[in-house]
Amino acid sequence: NVKIDSVKNKLNELLSEKNFNQETFNDMEKSRIDYSLKSLQ
């Protein structure tokens, strides 16, 4: 779980740093990150 949380934080930080001006993509990407790591769990 520590490994999963660490990668989740990295991915969300990277997305936040990019600051894409597309609300639809940002929302879908946050969900994609969550689904991807839930699949590993």
PDB file of all heavy atoms in Angstrom:
ATOM      1  N   ASN A   1       0.816  -1.211   0.000  1.00  0.00           N
ATOM      2  CA  ASN A   1       0.000   0.000   0.000  1.00  0.00           C
ATOM      3  C   ASN A   1       0.855   1.268   0.000  1.00  0.00           C
ATOM      4  O   ASN A   1       0.497   2.268  -0.624  1.00  0.00           O
ATOM      5  CB  ASN A   1      -0.936   0.009   1.206  1.00  0.00           C
ATOM      6  CG  ASN A   1      -2.064  -0.998   1.064  1.00  0.00           C
ATOM      7  OD1 ASN A   1      -2.384  -1.427  -0.041  1.00  0.00           O
ATOM      8  ND2 ASN A   1      -2.669  -1.377   2.175  1.00  0.00           N
ATOM      9  N   VAL A   2       1.993   1.210   0.698  1.00  0.00           N
ATOM     10  CA  VAL A   2       2.903   2.354   0.696  1.00  0.00           C
ATOM     11  C   VAL A   2       3.404   2.621  -0.727  1.00  0.00           C
ATOM     12  O   VAL A   2       3.482   3.777  -1.175  1.00  0.00           O
ATOM     13  CB  VAL A   2       4.091   2.110   1.659  1.00  0.00           C
ATOM     14  CG1 VAL A   2       5.185   3.160   1.441  1.00  0.00           C
ATOM     15  CG2 VAL A   2       3.616   2.152   3.105  1.00  0.00           C
ATOM     16  N   LYS A   3       3.762   1.544  -1.438  1.00  0.00           N
ATOM     17  CA  LYS A   3       4.223   1.682  -2.830  1.00  0.00           C
ATOM     18  C   LYS A   3       3.129   2.306  -3.703  1.00  0.00           C
ATOM     19  O   LYS A   3       3.395   3.220  -4.502  1.00  0.00           O
ATOM     20  CB  LYS A   3       4.601   0.309  -3.397  1.00  0.00           C
ATOM     21  CG  LYS A   3       5.884  -0.275  -2.863  1.00  0.00           C
ATOM     22  CD  LYS A   3       7.078   0.255  -3.657  1.00  0.00           C
ATOM     23  CE  LYS A   3       8.348  -0.501  -3.300  1.00  0.00           C
ATOM     24  NZ  LYS A   3       9.507   0.024  -4.044  1.00  0.00           N
ATOM     25  N   ILE A   4       1.914   1.801  -3.556  1.00  0.00           N
ATOM     26  CA  ILE A   4       0.799   2.312  -4.359  1.00  0.00           C
ATOM     27  C   ILE A   4       0.563   3.799  -4.070  1.00  0.00           C
ATOM     28  O   ILE A   4       0.415   4.619  -4.982  1.00  0.00           O
ATOM     29  CB  ILE A   4      -0.485   1.505  -4.074  1.00  0.00           C
ATOM     30  CG1 ILE A   4      -0.327   0.051  -4.537  1.00  0.00           C
ATOM     31  CG2 ILE A   4      -1.692   2.153  -4.747  1.00  0.00           C
ATOM     32  CD1 ILE A   4      -0.187  -0.127  -6.013  1.00  0.00           C
ATOM     33  N   ASP A   5       0.547   4.145  -2.796  1.00  0.00           N
ATOM     34  CA  ASP A   5       0.297   5.543  -2.419  1.00  0.00           C
ATOM     35  C   ASP A   5       1.404   6.465  -2.924  1.00  0.00           C
ATOM     36  O   ASP A   5       1.142   7.611  -3.341  1.00  0.00           O
ATOM     37  CB  ASP A   5       0.183   5.668  -0.896  1.00  0.00           C
ATOM     38  CG  ASP A   5      -1.100   5.053  -0.360  1.00  0.00           C
ATOM     39  OD1 ASP A   5      -2.034   4.853  -1.163  1.00  0.00           O
ATOM     40  OD2 ASP A   5      -1.156   4.745   0.845  1.00  0.00           O
ATOM     41  N   SER A   6       2.637   5.970  -2.891  1.00  0.00           N
ATOM     42  CA  SER A   6       3.760   6.775  -3.357  1.00  0.00           C
ATOM     43  C   SER A   6       3.621   7.093  -4.842  1.00  0.00           C
ATOM     44  O   SER A   6       3.829   8.238  -5.273  1.00  0.00           O
ATOM     45  CB  SER A   6       5.077   6.034  -3.093  1.00  0.00           C
ATOM     46  OG  SER A   6       6.169   6.719  -3.671  1.00  0.00           O
ATOM     47  N   VAL A   7       3.273   6.074  -5.636  1.00  0.00           N
ATOM     48  CA  VAL A   7       3.115   6.291  -7.082  1.00  0.00           C
ATOM     49  C   VAL A   7       1.903   7.170  -7.362  1.00  0.00           C
ATOM     50  O   VAL A   7       1.943   8.038  -8.250  1.00  0.00           O
ATOM     51  CB  VAL A   7       2.993   4.934  -7.805  1.00  0.00           C
ATOM     52  CG1 VAL A   7       2.587   5.141  -9.259  1.00  0.00           C
ATOM     53  CG2 VAL A   7       4.323   4.193  -7.743  1.00  0.00           C
ATOM     54  N   LYS A   8       0.843   6.980  -6.615  1.00  0.00           N
ATOM     55  CA  LYS A   8      -0.350   7.823  -6.801  1.00  0.00           C
ATOM     56  C   LYS A   8      -0.014   9.285  -6.554  1.00  0.00           C
ATOM     57  O   LYS A   8      -0.448  10.174  -7.313  1.00  0.00           O
ATOM     58  CB  LYS A   8      -1.463   7.366  -5.870  1.00  0.00           C
ATOM     59  CG  LYS A   8      -2.779   8.095  -6.098  1.00  0.00           C
ATOM     60  CD  LYS A   8      -3.898   7.493  -5.281  1.00  0.00           C
ATOM     61  CE  LYS A   8      -5.228   8.159  -5.609  1.00  0.00           C
ATOM     62  NZ  LYS A   8      -6.354   7.545  -4.869  1.00  0.00           N
ATOM     63  N   ASN A   9       0.760   9.553  -5.528  1.00  0.00           N
ATOM     64  CA  ASN A   9       1.166  10.930  -5.230  1.00  0.00           C
ATOM     65  C   ASN A   9       2.027  11.509  -6.350  1.00  0.00           C
ATOM     66  O   ASN A   9       1.856  12.676  -6.748  1.00  0.00           O
ATOM     67  CB  ASN A   9       1.926  10.987  -3.909  1.00  0.00           C
ATOM     68  CG  ASN A   9       1.023  10.745  -2.707  1.00  0.00           C
ATOM     69  OD1 ASN A   9      -0.184  10.965  -2.780  1.00  0.00           O
ATOM     70  ND2 ASN A   9       1.610  10.272  -1.610  1.00  0.00           N
ATOM     71  N   LYS A  10       2.966  10.710  -6.870  1.00  0.00           N
ATOM     72  CA  LYS A  10       3.819  11.174  -7.967  1.00  0.00           C
ATOM     73  C   LYS A  10       2.987  11.532  -9.195  1.00  0.00           C
ATOM     74  O   LYS A  10       3.219  12.556  -9.856  1.00  0.00           O
ATOM     75  CB  LYS A  10       4.839  10.095  -8.336  1.00  0.00           C
ATOM     76  CG  LYS A  10       5.973   9.925  -7.341  1.00  0.00           C
ATOM     77  CD  LYS A  10       6.945   8.851  -7.827  1.00  0.00           C
ATOM     78  CE  LYS A  10       8.072   8.643  -6.832  1.00  0.00           C
ATOM     79  NZ  LYS A  10       9.007   7.568  -7.275  1.00  0.00           N
ATOM     80  N   LEU A  11       2.028  10.662  -9.526  1.00  0.00           N
ATOM     81  CA  LEU A  11       1.212  10.889 -10.710  1.00  0.00           C
ATOM     82  C   LEU A  11       0.331  12.125 -10.552  1.00  0.00           C
ATOM     83  O   LEU A  11       0.202  12.930 -11.487  1.00  0.00           O
ATOM     84  CB  LEU A  11       0.350   9.654 -10.990  1.00  0.00           C
ATOM     85  CG  LEU A  11       1.113   8.410 -11.450  1.00  0.00           C
ATOM     86  CD1 LEU A  11       0.199   7.198 -11.507  1.00  0.00           C
ATOM     87  CD2 LEU A  11       1.762   8.642 -12.814  1.00  0.00           C
ATOM     88  N   ASN A  12      -0.267  12.278  -9.397  1.00  0.00           N
ATOM     89  CA  ASN A  12      -1.112  13.453  -9.178  1.00  0.00           C
ATOM     90  C   ASN A  12      -0.294  14.743  -9.153  1.00  0.00           C
ATOM     91  O   ASN A  12      -0.742  15.793  -9.634  1.00  0.00           O
ATOM     92  CB  ASN A  12      -1.901  13.294  -7.876  1.00  0.00           C
ATOM     93  CG  ASN A  12      -3.077  12.351  -8.032  1.00  0.00           C
ATOM     94  OD1 ASN A  12      -3.753  12.345  -9.063  1.00  0.00           O
ATOM     95  ND2 ASN A  12      -3.338  11.539  -7.024  1.00  0.00           N
ATOM     96  N   GLU A  13       0.930  14.675  -8.597  1.00  0.00           N
ATOM     97  CA  GLU A  13       1.812  15.850  -8.598  1.00  0.00           C
ATOM     98  C   GLU A  13       2.212  16.215 -10.022  1.00  0.00           C
ATOM     99  O   GLU A  13       2.242  17.402 -10.386  1.00  0.00           O
ATOM    100  CB  GLU A  13       3.059  15.558  -7.759  1.00  0.00           C
ATOM    101  CG  GLU A  13       2.807  15.536  -6.257  1.00  0.00           C
ATOM    102  CD  GLU A  13       4.024  15.067  -5.479  1.00  0.00           C
ATOM    103  OE1 GLU A  13       5.105  14.902  -6.104  1.00  0.00           O
ATOM    104  OE2 GLU A  13       3.904  14.884  -4.252  1.00  0.00           O
ATOM    105  N   LEU A  14       2.527  15.209 -10.834  1.00  0.00           N
ATOM    106  CA  LEU A  14       2.898  15.480 -12.225  1.00  0.00           C
ATOM    107  C   LEU A  14       1.744  16.122 -12.972  1.00  0.00           C
ATOM    108  O   LEU A  14       1.938  17.097 -13.721  1.00  0.00           O
ATOM    109  CB  LEU A  14       3.309  14.173 -12.919  1.00  0.00           C
ATOM    110  CG  LEU A  14       3.700  14.281 -14.387  1.00  0.00           C
ATOM    111  CD1 LEU A  14       4.923  15.174 -14.556  1.00  0.00           C
ATOM    112  CD2 LEU A  14       3.978  12.890 -14.974  1.00  0.00           C
ATOM    113  N   LEU A  15       0.541  15.605 -12.778  1.00  0.00           N
ATOM    114  CA  LEU A  15      -0.630  16.186 -13.439  1.00  0.00           C
ATOM    115  C   LEU A  15      -0.847  17.628 -12.989  1.00  0.00           C
ATOM    116  O   LEU A  15      -1.137  18.510 -13.808  1.00  0.00           O
ATOM    117  CB  LEU A  15      -1.863  15.336 -13.134  1.00  0.00           C
ATOM    118  CG  LEU A  15      -3.189  15.832 -13.718  1.00  0.00           C
ATOM    119  CD1 LEU A  15      -3.124  15.874 -15.242  1.00  0.00           C
ATOM    120  CD2 LEU A  15      -4.347  14.949 -13.257  1.00  0.00           C
ATOM    121  N   SER A  16      -0.687  17.873 -11.705  1.00  0.00           N
ATOM    122  CA  SER A  16      -0.880  19.224 -11.164  1.00  0.00           C
ATOM    123  C   SER A  16       0.165  20.195 -11.720  1.00  0.00           C
ATOM    124  O   SER A  16      -0.150  21.340 -12.061  1.00  0.00           O
ATOM    125  CB  SER A  16      -0.804  19.179  -9.635  1.00  0.00           C
ATOM    126  OG  SER A  16      -0.961  20.465  -9.090  1.00  0.00           O
ATOM    127  N   GLU A  17       1.402  19.729 -11.844  1.00  0.00           N
ATOM    128  CA  GLU A  17       2.480  20.577 -12.380  1.00  0.00           C
ATOM    129  C   GLU A  17       2.207  21.002 -13.822  1.00  0.00           C
ATOM    130  O   GLU A  17       2.535  22.116 -14.227  1.00  0.00           O
ATOM    131  CB  GLU A  17       3.808  19.818 -12.314  1.00  0.00           C
ATOM    132  CG  GLU A  17       4.365  19.635 -10.910  1.00  0.00           C
ATOM    133  CD  GLU A  17       5.558  18.704 -10.899  1.00  0.00           C
ATOM    134  OE1 GLU A  17       5.989  18.270 -12.003  1.00  0.00           O
ATOM    135  OE2 GLU A  17       6.071  18.395  -9.814  1.00  0.00           O
ATOM    136  N   LYS A  18       1.611  20.104 -14.600  1.00  0.00           N
ATOM    137  CA  LYS A  18       1.366  20.406 -16.012  1.00  0.00           C
ATOM    138  C   LYS A  18       0.294  21.481 -16.181  1.00  0.00           C
ATOM    139  O   LYS A  18       0.313  22.234 -17.157  1.00  0.00           O
ATOM    140  CB  LYS A  18       0.955  19.132 -16.754  1.00  0.00           C
ATOM    141  CG  LYS A  18       2.039  18.066 -16.817  1.00  0.00           C
ATOM    142  CD  LYS A  18       3.264  18.569 -17.557  1.00  0.00           C
ATOM    143  CE  LYS A  18       4.339  17.486 -17.647  1.00  0.00           C
ATOM    144  NZ  LYS A  18       5.543  17.968 -18.358  1.00  0.00           N
ATOM    145  N   ASN A  19      -0.657  21.505 -15.255  1.00  0.00           N
ATOM    146  CA  ASN A  19      -1.675  22.560 -15.252  1.00  0.00           C
ATOM    147  C   ASN A  19      -2.348  22.706 -16.620  1.00  0.00           C
ATOM    148  O   ASN A  19      -2.423  23.794 -17.198  1.00  0.00           O
ATOM    149  CB  ASN A  19      -1.040  23.901 -14.838  1.00  0.00           C
ATOM    150  CG  ASN A  19      -2.079  24.946 -14.505  1.00  0.00           C
ATOM    151  OD1 ASN A  19      -3.191  24.621 -14.081  1.00  0.00           O
ATOM    152  ND2 ASN A  19      -1.732  26.213 -14.709  1.00  0.00           N
ATOM    153  N   PHE A  20      -2.840  21.581 -17.144  1.00  0.00           N
ATOM    154  CA  PHE A  20      -3.497  21.602 -18.452  1.00  0.00           C
ATOM    155  C   PHE A  20      -4.803  22.393 -18.376  1.00  0.00           C
ATOM    156  O   PHE A  20      -5.586  22.240 -17.439  1.00  0.00           O
ATOM    157  CB  PHE A  20      -3.795  20.177 -18.922  1.00  0.00           C
ATOM    158  CG  PHE A  20      -2.559  19.357 -19.165  1.00  0.00           C
ATOM    159  CD1 PHE A  20      -2.321  18.208 -18.427  1.00  0.00           C
ATOM    160  CD2 PHE A  20      -1.634  19.733 -20.120  1.00  0.00           C
ATOM    161  CE1 PHE A  20      -1.187  17.446 -18.640  1.00  0.00           C
ATOM    162  CE2 PHE A  20      -0.491  18.978 -20.345  1.00  0.00           C
ATOM    163  CZ  PHE A  20      -0.269  17.831 -19.601  1.00  0.00           C
ATOM    164  N   ASN A  21      -5.025  23.188 -19.379  1.00  0.00           N
ATOM    165  CA  ASN A  21      -6.220  24.039 -19.404  1.00  0.00           C
ATOM    166  C   ASN A  21      -7.372  23.307 -20.086  1.00  0.00           C
ATOM    167  O   ASN A  21      -7.993  23.813 -21.013  1.00  0.00           O
ATOM    168  CB  ASN A  21      -5.907  25.353 -20.126  1.00  0.00           C
ATOM    169  CG  ASN A  21      -7.027  26.362 -19.984  1.00  0.00           C
ATOM    170  OD1 ASN A  21      -7.778  26.321 -19.010  1.00  0.00           O
ATOM    171  ND2 ASN A  21      -7.154  27.252 -20.962  1.00  0.00           N
ATOM    172  N   GLN A  22      -7.624  22.072 -19.648  1.00  0.00           N
ATOM    173  CA  GLN A  22      -8.729  21.280 -20.174  1.00  0.00           C
ATOM    174  C   GLN A  22      -9.391  20.564 -18.998  1.00  0.00           C
ATOM    175  O   GLN A  22      -8.904  19.539 -18.521  1.00  0.00           O
ATOM    176  CB  GLN A  22      -8.251  20.244 -21.195  1.00  0.00           C
ATOM    177  CG  GLN A  22      -7.971  20.796 -22.566  1.00  0.00           C
ATOM    178  CD  GLN A  22      -7.963  19.704 -23.634  1.00  0.00           C
ATOM    179  OE1 GLN A  22      -8.735  18.749 -23.577  1.00  0.00           O
ATOM    180  NE2 GLN A  22      -7.071  19.853 -24.601  1.00  0.00           N
ATOM    181  N   GLU A  23     -10.505  21.093 -18.560  1.00  0.00           N
ATOM    182  CA  GLU A  23     -11.157  20.548 -17.377  1.00  0.00           C
ATOM    183  C   GLU A  23     -11.578  19.099 -17.581  1.00  0.00           C
ATOM    184  O   GLU A  23     -11.425  18.263 -16.686  1.00  0.00           O
ATOM    185  CB  GLU A  23     -12.379  21.402 -17.011  1.00  0.00           C
ATOM    186  CG  GLU A  23     -13.075  20.952 -15.734  1.00  0.00           C
ATOM    187  CD  GLU A  23     -14.234  21.859 -15.364  1.00  0.00           C
ATOM    188  OE1 GLU A  23     -14.403  22.897 -16.024  1.00  0.00           O
ATOM    189  OE2 GLU A  23     -14.963  21.513 -14.423  1.00  0.00           O
ATOM    190  N   THR A  24     -12.103  18.787 -18.773  1.00  0.00           N
ATOM    191  CA  THR A  24     -12.549  17.415 -19.037  1.00  0.00           C
ATOM    192  C   THR A  24     -11.396  16.435 -18.933  1.00  0.00           C
ATOM    193  O   THR A  24     -11.506  15.390 -18.293  1.00  0.00           O
ATOM    194  CB  THR A  24     -13.190  17.317 -20.433  1.00  0.00           C
ATOM    195  OG1 THR A  24     -14.339  18.157 -20.485  1.00  0.00           O
ATOM    196  CG2 THR A  24     -13.605  15.879 -20.730  1.00  0.00           C
ATOM    197  N   PHE A  25     -10.264  16.783 -19.560  1.00  0.00           N
ATOM    198  CA  PHE A  25      -9.113  15.882 -19.484  1.00  0.00           C
ATOM    199  C   PHE A  25      -8.619  15.748 -18.052  1.00  0.00           C
ATOM    200  O   PHE A  25      -8.329  14.635 -17.587  1.00  0.00           O
ATOM    201  CB  PHE A  25      -7.963  16.362 -20.367  1.00  0.00           C
ATOM    202  CG  PHE A  25      -6.707  15.564 -20.135  1.00  0.00           C
ATOM    203  CD1 PHE A  25      -6.585  14.269 -20.621  1.00  0.00           C
ATOM    204  CD2 PHE A  25      -5.654  16.094 -19.379  1.00  0.00           C
ATOM    205  CE1 PHE A  25      -5.441  13.516 -20.376  1.00  0.00           C
ATOM    206  CE2 PHE A  25      -4.516  15.347 -19.132  1.00  0.00           C
ATOM    207  CZ  PHE A  25      -4.410  14.045 -19.632  1.00  0.00           C
ATOM    208  N   ASN A  26      -8.484  16.842 -17.338  1.00  0.00           N
ATOM    209  CA  ASN A  26      -7.981  16.789 -15.963  1.00  0.00           C
ATOM    210  C   ASN A  26      -8.842  15.867 -15.098  1.00  0.00           C
ATOM    211  O   ASN A  26      -8.326  15.061 -14.323  1.00  0.00           O
ATOM    212  CB  ASN A  26      -7.936  18.189 -15.350  1.00  0.00           C
ATOM    213  CG  ASN A  26      -6.832  19.051 -15.939  1.00  0.00           C
ATOM    214  OD1 ASN A  26      -5.804  18.536 -16.371  1.00  0.00           O
ATOM    215  ND2 ASN A  26      -7.046  20.357 -15.961  1.00  0.00           N
ATOM    216  N   ASP A  27     -10.156  15.973 -15.249  1.00  0.00           N
ATOM    217  CA  ASP A  27     -11.057  15.118 -14.463  1.00  0.00           C
ATOM    218  C   ASP A  27     -10.921  13.656 -14.869  1.00  0.00           C
ATOM    219  O   ASP A  27     -10.867  12.761 -14.008  1.00  0.00           O
ATOM    220  CB  ASP A  27     -12.506  15.568 -14.647  1.00  0.00           C
ATOM    221  CG  ASP A  27     -12.800  16.907 -13.975  1.00  0.00           C
ATOM    222  OD1 ASP A  27     -11.984  17.320 -13.118  1.00  0.00           O
ATOM    223  OD2 ASP A  27     -13.823  17.531 -14.314  1.00  0.00           O
ATOM    224  N   MET A  28     -10.842  13.405 -16.185  1.00  0.00           N
ATOM    225  CA  MET A  28     -10.712  12.028 -16.652  1.00  0.00           C
ATOM    226  C   MET A  28      -9.370  11.434 -16.246  1.00  0.00           C
ATOM    227  O   MET A  28      -9.275  10.254 -15.882  1.00  0.00           O
ATOM    228  CB  MET A  28     -10.892  11.957 -18.172  1.00  0.00           C
ATOM    229  CG  MET A  28     -12.311  12.237 -18.634  1.00  0.00           C
ATOM    230  SD  MET A  28     -12.514  12.111 -20.433  1.00  0.00           S
ATOM    231  CE  MET A  28     -12.391  10.334 -20.674  1.00  0.00           C
ATOM    232  N   GLU A  29      -8.322  12.248 -16.280  1.00  0.00           N
ATOM    233  CA  GLU A  29      -6.994  11.741 -15.948  1.00  0.00           C
ATOM    234  C   GLU A  29      -6.891  11.403 -14.464  1.00  0.00           C
ATOM    235  O   GLU A  29      -6.263  10.394 -14.092  1.00  0.00           O
ATOM    236  CB  GLU A  29      -5.926  12.747 -16.349  1.00  0.00           C
ATOM    237  CG  GLU A  29      -4.496  12.307 -16.049  1.00  0.00           C
ATOM    238  CD  GLU A  29      -4.050  11.072 -16.811  1.00  0.00           C
ATOM    239  OE1 GLU A  29      -4.793  10.587 -17.691  1.00  0.00           O
ATOM    240  OE2 GLU A  29      -2.937  10.574 -16.521  1.00  0.00           O
ATOM    241  N   LYS A  30      -7.489  12.232 -13.610  1.00  0.00           N
ATOM    242  CA  LYS A  30      -7.496  11.895 -12.177  1.00  0.00           C
ATOM    243  C   LYS A  30      -8.192  10.561 -11.954  1.00  0.00           C
ATOM    244  O   LYS A  30      -7.741   9.732 -11.140  1.00  0.00           O
ATOM    245  CB  LYS A  30      -8.196  13.001 -11.387  1.00  0.00           C
ATOM    246  CG  LYS A  30      -7.397  14.290 -11.294  1.00  0.00           C
ATOM    247  CD  LYS A  30      -8.204  15.388 -10.605  1.00  0.00           C
ATOM    248  CE  LYS A  30      -7.452  16.714 -10.606  1.00  0.00           C
ATOM    249  NZ  LYS A  30      -8.271  17.807 -10.015  1.00  0.00           N
ATOM    250  N   SER A  31      -9.276  10.343 -12.677  1.00  0.00           N
ATOM    251  CA  SER A  31      -9.999   9.073 -12.561  1.00  0.00           C
ATOM    252  C   SER A  31      -9.168   7.926 -13.130  1.00  0.00           C
ATOM    253  O   SER A  31      -9.144   6.821 -12.565  1.00  0.00           O
ATOM    254  CB  SER A  31     -11.347   9.157 -13.292  1.00  0.00           C
ATOM    255  OG  SER A  31     -12.186  10.109 -12.687  1.00  0.00           O
ATOM    256  N   ARG A  32      -8.474   8.181 -14.252  1.00  0.00           N
ATOM    257  CA  ARG A  32      -7.640   7.127 -14.853  1.00  0.00           C
ATOM    258  C   ARG A  32      -6.545   6.697 -13.883  1.00  0.00           C
ATOM    259  O   ARG A  32      -6.269   5.493 -13.732  1.00  0.00           O
ATOM    260  CB  ARG A  32      -7.014   7.627 -16.155  1.00  0.00           C
ATOM    261  CG  ARG A  32      -6.268   6.544 -16.929  1.00  0.00           C
ATOM    262  CD  ARG A  32      -5.739   7.089 -18.240  1.00  0.00           C
ATOM    263  NE  ARG A  32      -4.489   7.804 -18.077  1.00  0.00           N
ATOM    264  CZ  ARG A  32      -3.283   7.296 -18.347  1.00  0.00           C
ATOM    265  NH1 ARG A  32      -3.156   6.041 -18.755  1.00  0.00           N
ATOM    266  NH2 ARG A  32      -2.212   8.037 -18.201  1.00  0.00           N
ATOM    267  N   ILE A  33      -5.911   7.632 -13.226  1.00  0.00           N
ATOM    268  CA  ILE A  33      -4.881   7.309 -12.233  1.00  0.00           C
ATOM    269  C   ILE A  33      -5.476   6.445 -11.131  1.00  0.00           C
ATOM    270  O   ILE A  33      -4.903   5.426 -10.737  1.00  0.00           O
ATOM    271  CB  ILE A  33      -4.280   8.610 -11.646  1.00  0.00           C
ATOM    272  CG1 ILE A  33      -3.461   9.348 -12.710  1.00  0.00           C
ATOM    273  CG2 ILE A  33      -3.414   8.289 -10.422  1.00  0.00           C
ATOM    274  CD1 ILE A  33      -3.049  10.749 -12.291  1.00  0.00           C
ATOM    275  N   ASP A  34      -6.641   6.846 -10.655  1.00  0.00           N
ATOM    276  CA  ASP A  34      -7.285   6.110  -9.566  1.00  0.00           C
ATOM    277  C   ASP A  34      -7.654   4.695 -10.000  1.00  0.00           C
ATOM    278  O   ASP A  34      -7.385   3.724  -9.279  1.00  0.00           O
ATOM    279  CB  ASP A  34      -8.527   6.870  -9.109  1.00  0.00           C
ATOM    280  CG  ASP A  34      -9.143   6.262  -7.859  1.00  0.00           C
ATOM    281  OD1 ASP A  34      -8.414   6.087  -6.865  1.00  0.00           O
ATOM    282  OD2 ASP A  34     -10.345   5.947  -7.875  1.00  0.00           O
ATOM    283  N   TYR A  35      -8.257   4.552 -11.165  1.00  0.00           N
ATOM    284  CA  TYR A  35      -8.641   3.223 -11.652  1.00  0.00           C
ATOM    285  C   TYR A  35      -7.422   2.333 -11.874  1.00  0.00           C
ATOM    286  O   TYR A  35      -7.443   1.135 -11.583  1.00  0.00           O
ATOM    287  CB  TYR A  35      -9.413   3.335 -12.969  1.00  0.00           C
ATOM    288  CG  TYR A  35     -10.770   3.985 -12.865  1.00  0.00           C
ATOM    289  CD1 TYR A  35     -11.198   4.886 -13.845  1.00  0.00           C
ATOM    290  CD2 TYR A  35     -11.627   3.710 -11.811  1.00  0.00           C
ATOM    291  CE1 TYR A  35     -12.446   5.484 -13.778  1.00  0.00           C
ATOM    292  CE2 TYR A  35     -12.885   4.312 -11.728  1.00  0.00           C
ATOM    293  CZ  TYR A  35     -13.279   5.200 -12.713  1.00  0.00           C
ATOM    294  OH  TYR A  35     -14.516   5.791 -12.643  1.00  0.00           O
ATOM    295  N   SER A  36      -6.368   2.927 -12.410  1.00  0.00           N
ATOM    296  CA  SER A  36      -5.159   2.156 -12.703  1.00  0.00           C
ATOM    297  C   SER A  36      -4.574   1.541 -11.435  1.00  0.00           C
ATOM    298  O   SER A  36      -4.230   0.352 -11.403  1.00  0.00           O
ATOM    299  CB  SER A  36      -4.122   3.062 -13.366  1.00  0.00           C
ATOM    300  OG  SER A  36      -2.898   2.399 -13.544  1.00  0.00           O
ATOM    301  N   LEU A  37      -4.479   2.340 -10.374  1.00  0.00           N
ATOM    302  CA  LEU A  37      -3.897   1.837  -9.135  1.00  0.00           C
ATOM    303  C   LEU A  37      -4.867   0.939  -8.377  1.00  0.00           C
ATOM    304  O   LEU A  37      -4.444  -0.002  -7.700  1.00  0.00           O
ATOM    305  CB  LEU A  37      -3.451   3.015  -8.277  1.00  0.00           C
ATOM    306  CG  LEU A  37      -2.351   3.863  -8.938  1.00  0.00           C
ATOM    307  CD1 LEU A  37      -1.985   5.051  -8.074  1.00  0.00           C
ATOM    308  CD2 LEU A  37      -1.112   3.028  -9.243  1.00  0.00           C
ATOM    309  N   LYS A  38      -6.162   1.176  -8.527  1.00  0.00           N
ATOM    310  CA  LYS A  38      -7.144   0.261  -7.932  1.00  0.00           C
ATOM    311  C   LYS A  38      -7.054  -1.123  -8.581  1.00  0.00           C
ATOM    312  O   LYS A  38      -7.272  -2.152  -7.921  1.00  0.00           O
ATOM    313  CB  LYS A  38      -8.557   0.826  -8.075  1.00  0.00           C
ATOM    314  CG  LYS A  38      -8.961   1.794  -6.957  1.00  0.00           C
ATOM    315  CD  LYS A  38     -10.413   2.201  -7.084  1.00  0.00           C
ATOM    316  CE  LYS A  38     -10.909   2.904  -5.817  1.00  0.00           C
ATOM    317  NZ  LYS A  38     -10.210   4.117  -5.489  1.00  0.00           N
ATOM    318  N   SER A  39      -6.744  -1.156  -9.864  1.00  0.00           N
ATOM    319  CA  SER A  39      -6.580  -2.452 -10.543  1.00  0.00           C
ATOM    320  C   SER A  39      -5.414  -3.233  -9.942  1.00  0.00           C
ATOM    321  O   SER A  39      -5.488  -4.458  -9.777  1.00  0.00           O
ATOM    322  CB  SER A  39      -6.348  -2.246 -12.043  1.00  0.00           C
ATOM    323  OG  SER A  39      -7.520  -1.783 -12.674  1.00  0.00           O
ATOM    324  N   LEU A  40      -4.326  -2.527  -9.620  1.00  0.00           N
ATOM    325  CA  LEU A  40      -3.190  -3.192  -8.973  1.00  0.00           C
ATOM    326  C   LEU A  40      -3.594  -3.704  -7.593  1.00  0.00           C
ATOM    327  O   LEU A  40      -3.236  -4.827  -7.208  1.00  0.00           O
ATOM    328  CB  LEU A  40      -2.018  -2.229  -8.858  1.00  0.00           C
ATOM    329  CG  LEU A  40      -1.429  -1.688 -10.164  1.00  0.00           C
ATOM    330  CD1 LEU A  40      -0.250  -0.780  -9.870  1.00  0.00           C
ATOM    331  CD2 LEU A  40      -1.015  -2.815 -11.086  1.00  0.00           C
ATOM    332  N   GLN A  41      -4.338  -2.907  -6.846  1.00  0.00           N
ATOM    333  CA  GLN A  41      -4.823  -3.337  -5.537  1.00  0.00           C
ATOM    334  C   GLN A  41      -5.742  -4.544  -5.670  1.00  0.00           C
ATOM    335  O   GLN A  41      -5.719  -5.458  -4.843  1.00  0.00           O
ATOM    336  CB  GLN A  41      -5.594  -2.198  -4.862  1.00  0.00           C
ATOM    337  CG  GLN A  41      -4.728  -1.041  -4.374  1.00  0.00           C
ATOM    338  CD  GLN A  41      -5.586   0.054  -3.784  1.00  0.00           C
ATOM    339  OE1 GLN A  41      -6.091   0.922  -4.485  1.00  0.00           O
ATOM    340  NE2 GLN A  41      -5.774   0.003  -2.478  1.00  0.00           N
TER     341      GLN A  41
END
